[in-house]
Amino acid sequence: ASYTGIEACANCHDEEYKFWQHTPHAGAYGTLSSEHKEFNLDCVSCHVTGYEKPGGSTVTHVAGLENVQCEVCHGPGSRHEDNPSDPASIIRSPPKTLCAPTCHHPPHVQEGWDVNAAWKVIVGKGHGLK
């Protein structure tokens, strides 16, 4: 499986895409660029999609994979795009436990950061809530 980028996801998941656009994840790469840290190896992996994974982004290749897009949580989308009815082609309900070990851990989060509180910001109507 390879990473397709948010535009491919938006083709079928418009409501989820519109919700995502208003989350902090949608501007994750911009926070690096504004501080000139987009080439900082300690930072970039948490602000792009599929970092150093097959078909994903690298520190110099981020085009179409900027920000924390759908595939960071749901996995690479190429198989899902090819066969959307196959439940094994994508992670439909990512666990909250993937956040802390991957990106949201000290020193990269404020003291008191809680995945349950953060979850309310990234999950909404059309994106996990009915």
N, C-alpha and C. Protein backbone atom coordinates (compact mmCIF):
# COMPACT_ATOMS: atom_id res chain seq x y z
N ALA A 1 0.84 -1.19 0.00
CA ALA A 1 0.00 0.00 0.00
C ALA A 1 0.88 1.24 0.00
N SER A 2 0.41 2.28 -0.64
CA SER A 2 1.16 3.54 -0.66
C SER A 2 0.23 4.68 -0.27
N TYR A 3 0.84 5.83 -0.02
CA TYR A 3 0.11 7.01 0.42
C TYR A 3 -0.41 7.77 -0.78
N THR A 4 -1.68 8.13 -0.73
CA THR A 4 -2.33 8.79 -1.86
C THR A 4 -2.50 10.29 -1.65
N GLY A 5 -2.49 10.74 -0.40
CA GLY A 5 -2.69 12.15 -0.09
C GLY A 5 -4.14 12.51 0.12
N ILE A 6 -4.35 13.60 0.79
CA ILE A 6 -5.69 14.01 1.22
C ILE A 6 -6.65 14.28 0.07
N GLU A 7 -6.14 14.72 -1.05
CA GLU A 7 -7.02 15.00 -2.18
C GLU A 7 -7.73 13.73 -2.65
N ALA A 8 -7.02 12.60 -2.64
CA ALA A 8 -7.65 11.32 -3.02
C ALA A 8 -8.73 10.94 -2.01
N CYS A 9 -8.47 11.18 -0.74
CA CYS A 9 -9.46 10.88 0.30
C CYS A 9 -10.70 11.76 0.13
N ALA A 10 -10.46 13.04 -0.16
CA ALA A 10 -11.56 14.00 -0.29
C ALA A 10 -12.50 13.66 -1.44
N ASN A 11 -12.02 12.94 -2.43
CA ASN A 11 -12.87 12.57 -3.56
C ASN A 11 -14.13 11.83 -3.11
N CYS A 12 -14.00 10.99 -2.08
CA CYS A 12 -15.15 10.22 -1.60
C CYS A 12 -15.61 10.63 -0.20
N HIS A 13 -14.74 11.25 0.54
CA HIS A 13 -15.03 11.57 1.95
C HIS A 13 -15.04 13.09 2.15
N ASP A 14 -15.93 13.75 1.44
CA ASP A 14 -15.98 15.21 1.45
C ASP A 14 -16.32 15.78 2.83
N GLU A 15 -17.28 15.20 3.52
CA GLU A 15 -17.67 15.72 4.83
C GLU A 15 -16.52 15.61 5.83
N GLU A 16 -15.83 14.47 5.81
CA GLU A 16 -14.68 14.28 6.69
C GLU A 16 -13.56 15.25 6.33
N TYR A 17 -13.34 15.45 5.05
CA TYR A 17 -12.31 16.37 4.59
C TYR A 17 -12.61 17.79 5.06
N LYS A 18 -13.85 18.22 4.92
CA LYS A 18 -14.23 19.57 5.35
C LYS A 18 -14.03 19.74 6.85
N PHE A 19 -14.34 18.70 7.62
CA PHE A 19 -14.13 18.77 9.07
C PHE A 19 -12.63 18.87 9.36
N TRP A 20 -11.83 18.01 8.72
CA TRP A 20 -10.38 17.98 8.94
C TRP A 20 -9.75 19.35 8.69
N GLN A 21 -10.22 20.08 7.69
CA GLN A 21 -9.65 21.37 7.33
C GLN A 21 -9.67 22.37 8.49
N HIS A 22 -10.51 22.13 9.48
CA HIS A 22 -10.63 23.05 10.61
C HIS A 22 -9.99 22.49 11.89
N THR A 23 -9.18 21.45 11.73
CA THR A 23 -8.49 20.88 12.89
C THR A 23 -7.04 21.36 12.91
N PRO A 24 -6.38 21.26 14.05
CA PRO A 24 -4.95 21.62 14.11
C PRO A 24 -4.09 20.76 13.18
N HIS A 25 -4.50 19.54 12.92
CA HIS A 25 -3.73 18.67 12.04
C HIS A 25 -3.60 19.25 10.63
N ALA A 26 -4.61 19.97 10.18
CA ALA A 26 -4.60 20.54 8.83
C ALA A 26 -3.52 21.61 8.64
N GLY A 27 -3.05 22.18 9.72
CA GLY A 27 -2.01 23.21 9.63
C GLY A 27 -0.69 22.80 10.24
N ALA A 28 -0.52 21.51 10.45
CA ALA A 28 0.68 21.03 11.14
C ALA A 28 1.98 21.41 10.42
N TYR A 29 2.02 21.28 9.12
CA TYR A 29 3.24 21.58 8.39
C TYR A 29 3.54 23.07 8.41
N GLY A 30 2.50 23.88 8.39
CA GLY A 30 2.67 25.33 8.43
C GLY A 30 3.35 25.79 9.71
N THR A 31 3.13 25.08 10.81
CA THR A 31 3.80 25.46 12.05
C THR A 31 5.31 25.25 11.93
N LEU A 32 5.73 24.26 11.16
CA LEU A 32 7.16 24.05 10.92
C LEU A 32 7.71 25.14 10.00
N SER A 33 7.03 25.37 8.91
CA SER A 33 7.49 26.36 7.93
C SER A 33 7.62 27.74 8.54
N SER A 34 6.67 28.11 9.37
CA SER A 34 6.71 29.45 9.95
C SER A 34 7.89 29.63 10.90
N GLU A 35 8.42 28.52 11.41
CA GLU A 35 9.59 28.58 12.30
C GLU A 35 10.86 28.07 11.62
N HIS A 36 10.78 27.85 10.30
CA HIS A 36 11.91 27.38 9.50
C HIS A 36 12.47 26.06 10.04
N LYS A 37 11.57 25.15 10.40
CA LYS A 37 11.98 23.85 10.94
C LYS A 37 11.57 22.69 10.04
N GLU A 38 11.17 22.98 8.82
CA GLU A 38 10.69 21.90 7.95
C GLU A 38 11.77 20.89 7.57
N PHE A 39 13.03 21.22 7.81
CA PHE A 39 14.11 20.27 7.55
C PHE A 39 14.73 19.75 8.84
N ASN A 40 14.13 20.06 9.96
CA ASN A 40 14.60 19.59 11.26
C ASN A 40 14.12 18.15 11.45
N LEU A 41 15.05 17.21 11.50
CA LEU A 41 14.70 15.80 11.57
C LEU A 41 13.98 15.43 12.87
N ASP A 42 14.11 16.23 13.90
CA ASP A 42 13.40 15.97 15.15
C ASP A 42 11.94 16.43 15.07
N CYS A 43 11.60 17.19 14.06
CA CYS A 43 10.27 17.79 13.99
C CYS A 43 9.41 17.28 12.84
N VAL A 44 10.00 17.15 11.68
CA VAL A 44 9.22 16.95 10.46
C VAL A 44 8.35 15.69 10.48
N SER A 45 8.80 14.63 11.09
CA SER A 45 8.06 13.36 11.02
C SER A 45 6.65 13.46 11.59
N CYS A 46 6.42 14.34 12.53
CA CYS A 46 5.10 14.47 13.14
C CYS A 46 4.21 15.50 12.43
N HIS A 47 4.74 16.15 11.42
CA HIS A 47 3.99 17.22 10.76
C HIS A 47 3.69 16.91 9.30
N VAL A 48 3.98 15.68 8.87
CA VAL A 48 3.73 15.23 7.51
C VAL A 48 3.06 13.85 7.54
N THR A 49 2.73 13.34 6.39
CA THR A 49 2.03 12.06 6.28
C THR A 49 2.95 10.98 5.72
N GLY A 50 2.99 9.84 6.40
CA GLY A 50 3.75 8.69 5.93
C GLY A 50 5.24 8.87 5.96
N TYR A 51 5.75 9.60 6.94
CA TYR A 51 7.17 9.93 6.97
C TYR A 51 8.04 8.67 6.97
N GLU A 52 8.93 8.61 5.97
CA GLU A 52 9.89 7.53 5.79
C GLU A 52 9.26 6.14 5.72
N LYS A 53 8.01 6.08 5.29
CA LYS A 53 7.34 4.80 5.06
C LYS A 53 7.22 4.62 3.56
N PRO A 54 7.11 3.38 3.08
CA PRO A 54 7.00 3.17 1.63
C PRO A 54 5.89 4.00 1.01
N GLY A 55 6.25 4.81 0.03
CA GLY A 55 5.28 5.66 -0.65
C GLY A 55 4.89 6.90 0.12
N GLY A 56 5.52 7.14 1.26
CA GLY A 56 5.20 8.30 2.08
C GLY A 56 6.17 9.45 1.85
N SER A 57 6.17 10.39 2.77
CA SER A 57 7.01 11.57 2.65
C SER A 57 8.41 11.33 3.20
N THR A 58 9.28 12.24 2.86
CA THR A 58 10.62 12.28 3.43
C THR A 58 10.87 13.74 3.82
N VAL A 59 12.01 14.03 4.35
CA VAL A 59 12.28 15.42 4.73
C VAL A 59 12.32 16.34 3.51
N THR A 60 12.66 15.81 2.34
CA THR A 60 12.72 16.64 1.13
C THR A 60 11.55 16.41 0.18
N HIS A 61 10.78 15.35 0.38
CA HIS A 61 9.61 15.07 -0.47
C HIS A 61 8.35 15.11 0.39
N VAL A 62 7.65 16.22 0.34
CA VAL A 62 6.42 16.35 1.11
C VAL A 62 5.23 16.75 0.24
N ALA A 63 5.46 17.03 -1.02
CA ALA A 63 4.40 17.50 -1.90
C ALA A 63 3.19 16.56 -1.86
N GLY A 64 2.05 17.13 -1.49
CA GLY A 64 0.82 16.35 -1.40
C GLY A 64 0.68 15.59 -0.09
N LEU A 65 1.72 15.58 0.72
CA LEU A 65 1.69 14.85 1.99
C LEU A 65 1.99 15.76 3.18
N GLU A 66 1.85 17.06 2.97
CA GLU A 66 2.04 18.01 4.07
C GLU A 66 0.91 17.83 5.07
N ASN A 67 1.20 18.14 6.32
CA ASN A 67 0.22 18.12 7.40
C ASN A 67 -0.08 16.69 7.86
N VAL A 68 -0.85 16.61 8.91
CA VAL A 68 -1.26 15.32 9.47
C VAL A 68 -2.59 14.98 8.80
N GLN A 69 -2.47 14.25 7.69
CA GLN A 69 -3.62 13.91 6.87
C GLN A 69 -4.27 12.60 7.32
N CYS A 70 -5.31 12.22 6.65
CA CYS A 70 -6.10 11.02 6.97
C CYS A 70 -5.24 9.77 7.16
N GLU A 71 -4.26 9.61 6.28
CA GLU A 71 -3.48 8.38 6.26
C GLU A 71 -2.52 8.23 7.43
N VAL A 72 -2.27 9.29 8.18
CA VAL A 72 -1.46 9.16 9.39
C VAL A 72 -2.17 8.24 10.36
N CYS A 73 -3.46 8.40 10.49
CA CYS A 73 -4.25 7.60 11.43
C CYS A 73 -4.87 6.36 10.78
N HIS A 74 -5.29 6.49 9.53
CA HIS A 74 -6.03 5.42 8.87
C HIS A 74 -5.15 4.50 8.01
N GLY A 75 -3.86 4.83 7.88
CA GLY A 75 -2.95 4.01 7.09
C GLY A 75 -2.96 4.41 5.64
N PRO A 76 -1.99 3.91 4.86
CA PRO A 76 -1.89 4.26 3.45
C PRO A 76 -3.19 3.93 2.71
N GLY A 77 -3.60 4.81 1.82
CA GLY A 77 -4.92 4.70 1.21
C GLY A 77 -5.01 4.05 -0.15
N SER A 78 -3.91 3.64 -0.76
CA SER A 78 -3.99 3.13 -2.13
C SER A 78 -4.86 1.89 -2.25
N ARG A 79 -4.78 0.97 -1.33
CA ARG A 79 -5.62 -0.24 -1.40
C ARG A 79 -7.08 0.11 -1.16
N HIS A 80 -7.33 1.04 -0.27
CA HIS A 80 -8.71 1.47 -0.01
C HIS A 80 -9.28 2.17 -1.25
N GLU A 81 -8.46 2.98 -1.89
CA GLU A 81 -8.90 3.66 -3.10
C GLU A 81 -9.24 2.65 -4.20
N ASP A 82 -8.44 1.59 -4.30
CA ASP A 82 -8.67 0.55 -5.31
C ASP A 82 -9.90 -0.32 -5.00
N ASN A 83 -10.16 -0.55 -3.70
CA ASN A 83 -11.25 -1.44 -3.30
C ASN A 83 -11.89 -0.91 -2.02
N PRO A 84 -12.69 0.15 -2.09
CA PRO A 84 -13.23 0.79 -0.90
C PRO A 84 -14.14 -0.10 -0.06
N SER A 85 -14.71 -1.15 -0.65
CA SER A 85 -15.62 -2.01 0.12
C SER A 85 -14.88 -3.05 0.96
N ASP A 86 -13.57 -3.20 0.76
CA ASP A 86 -12.79 -4.16 1.55
C ASP A 86 -12.44 -3.54 2.90
N PRO A 87 -13.00 -4.07 3.99
CA PRO A 87 -12.73 -3.48 5.30
C PRO A 87 -11.27 -3.60 5.74
N ALA A 88 -10.54 -4.50 5.14
CA ALA A 88 -9.13 -4.67 5.51
C ALA A 88 -8.21 -3.69 4.77
N SER A 89 -8.77 -2.87 3.89
CA SER A 89 -7.94 -1.98 3.08
C SER A 89 -7.54 -0.70 3.80
N ILE A 90 -8.12 -0.45 4.97
CA ILE A 90 -7.87 0.80 5.69
C ILE A 90 -8.19 0.59 7.17
N ILE A 91 -7.61 1.37 8.02
CA ILE A 91 -7.95 1.33 9.45
C ILE A 91 -9.14 2.26 9.64
N ARG A 92 -10.29 1.68 9.82
CA ARG A 92 -11.52 2.49 9.89
C ARG A 92 -11.64 3.28 11.19
N SER A 93 -11.28 2.69 12.30
CA SER A 93 -11.37 3.37 13.60
C SER A 93 -10.03 3.31 14.30
N PRO A 94 -9.15 4.25 14.03
CA PRO A 94 -7.82 4.21 14.64
C PRO A 94 -7.91 4.35 16.16
N PRO A 95 -7.06 3.64 16.87
CA PRO A 95 -7.09 3.74 18.33
C PRO A 95 -6.46 5.03 18.83
N LYS A 96 -6.95 5.53 19.93
CA LYS A 96 -6.38 6.74 20.54
C LYS A 96 -4.93 6.51 20.95
N THR A 97 -4.58 5.26 21.18
CA THR A 97 -3.24 4.94 21.66
C THR A 97 -2.14 5.23 20.65
N LEU A 98 -2.47 5.47 19.40
CA LEU A 98 -1.42 5.73 18.41
C LEU A 98 -0.87 7.15 18.53
N CYS A 99 -1.59 8.06 19.17
CA CYS A 99 -1.18 9.47 19.24
C CYS A 99 0.06 9.70 20.10
N ALA A 100 0.04 9.19 21.32
CA ALA A 100 1.12 9.49 22.26
C ALA A 100 2.47 8.92 21.85
N PRO A 101 2.56 7.64 21.49
CA PRO A 101 3.90 7.14 21.16
C PRO A 101 4.47 7.70 19.86
N THR A 102 3.60 8.11 18.94
CA THR A 102 4.11 8.61 17.67
C THR A 102 4.53 10.06 17.72
N CYS A 103 3.66 10.93 18.18
CA CYS A 103 3.96 12.36 18.12
C CYS A 103 3.67 13.13 19.41
N HIS A 104 2.62 12.80 20.06
CA HIS A 104 2.18 13.59 21.21
C HIS A 104 2.78 13.09 22.51
N HIS A 105 4.07 13.35 22.67
CA HIS A 105 4.79 12.95 23.88
C HIS A 105 5.76 14.05 24.25
N PRO A 106 6.16 14.11 25.53
CA PRO A 106 7.13 15.15 25.94
C PRO A 106 8.42 15.02 25.14
N PRO A 107 9.05 16.06 24.77
CA PRO A 107 8.77 17.46 25.08
C PRO A 107 7.90 18.15 24.05
N HIS A 108 7.23 17.38 23.20
CA HIS A 108 6.49 17.95 22.07
C HIS A 108 5.05 18.32 22.38
N VAL A 109 4.63 18.15 23.60
CA VAL A 109 3.28 18.55 24.00
C VAL A 109 3.36 19.36 25.28
N GLN A 110 2.36 20.14 25.50
CA GLN A 110 2.31 20.92 26.73
C GLN A 110 2.03 19.97 27.90
N GLU A 111 2.50 20.35 29.06
CA GLU A 111 2.23 19.55 30.25
C GLU A 111 0.72 19.46 30.44
N GLY A 112 0.27 18.27 30.75
CA GLY A 112 -1.15 18.06 30.96
C GLY A 112 -1.92 17.68 29.70
N TRP A 113 -1.20 17.55 28.55
CA TRP A 113 -1.88 17.13 27.32
C TRP A 113 -2.54 15.79 27.55
N ASP A 114 -3.78 15.67 27.09
CA ASP A 114 -4.55 14.46 27.30
C ASP A 114 -5.21 14.04 25.99
N VAL A 115 -5.00 12.81 25.60
CA VAL A 115 -5.55 12.33 24.34
C VAL A 115 -7.07 12.40 24.32
N ASN A 116 -7.71 12.18 25.44
CA ASN A 116 -9.18 12.22 25.47
C ASN A 116 -9.69 13.63 25.19
N ALA A 117 -9.02 14.64 25.71
CA ALA A 117 -9.41 16.02 25.43
C ALA A 117 -9.10 16.38 23.98
N ALA A 118 -7.94 15.95 23.49
CA ALA A 118 -7.55 16.24 22.11
C ALA A 118 -8.46 15.54 21.10
N TRP A 119 -8.92 14.35 21.44
CA TRP A 119 -9.77 13.57 20.55
C TRP A 119 -11.01 14.36 20.14
N LYS A 120 -11.54 15.16 21.05
CA LYS A 120 -12.74 15.95 20.78
C LYS A 120 -12.49 17.00 19.69
N VAL A 121 -11.25 17.39 19.51
CA VAL A 121 -10.91 18.40 18.51
C VAL A 121 -10.71 17.77 17.13
N ILE A 122 -10.28 16.50 17.08
CA ILE A 122 -10.01 15.88 15.79
C ILE A 122 -11.12 14.96 15.30
N VAL A 123 -12.08 14.66 16.18
CA VAL A 123 -13.20 13.81 15.78
C VAL A 123 -14.47 14.63 15.89
N GLY A 124 -15.24 14.64 14.83
CA GLY A 124 -16.47 15.43 14.82
C GLY A 124 -17.47 14.86 13.85
N LYS A 125 -18.50 15.62 13.56
CA LYS A 125 -19.53 15.17 12.63
C LYS A 125 -18.89 14.82 11.28
N GLY A 126 -19.20 13.64 10.81
CA GLY A 126 -18.63 13.19 9.56
C GLY A 126 -17.24 12.61 9.73
N HIS A 127 -16.73 12.66 10.94
CA HIS A 127 -15.40 12.14 11.19
C HIS A 127 -15.39 11.43 12.54
N GLY A 128 -16.17 10.37 12.61
CA GLY A 128 -16.21 9.58 13.82
C GLY A 128 -17.43 9.79 14.68
N LEU A 129 -18.13 10.89 14.52
CA LEU A 129 -19.35 11.13 15.28
C LEU A 129 -20.53 11.12 14.33
N LYS A 130 -21.64 10.64 14.80
CA LYS A 130 -22.86 10.57 13.98
C LYS A 130 -23.51 11.93 13.92
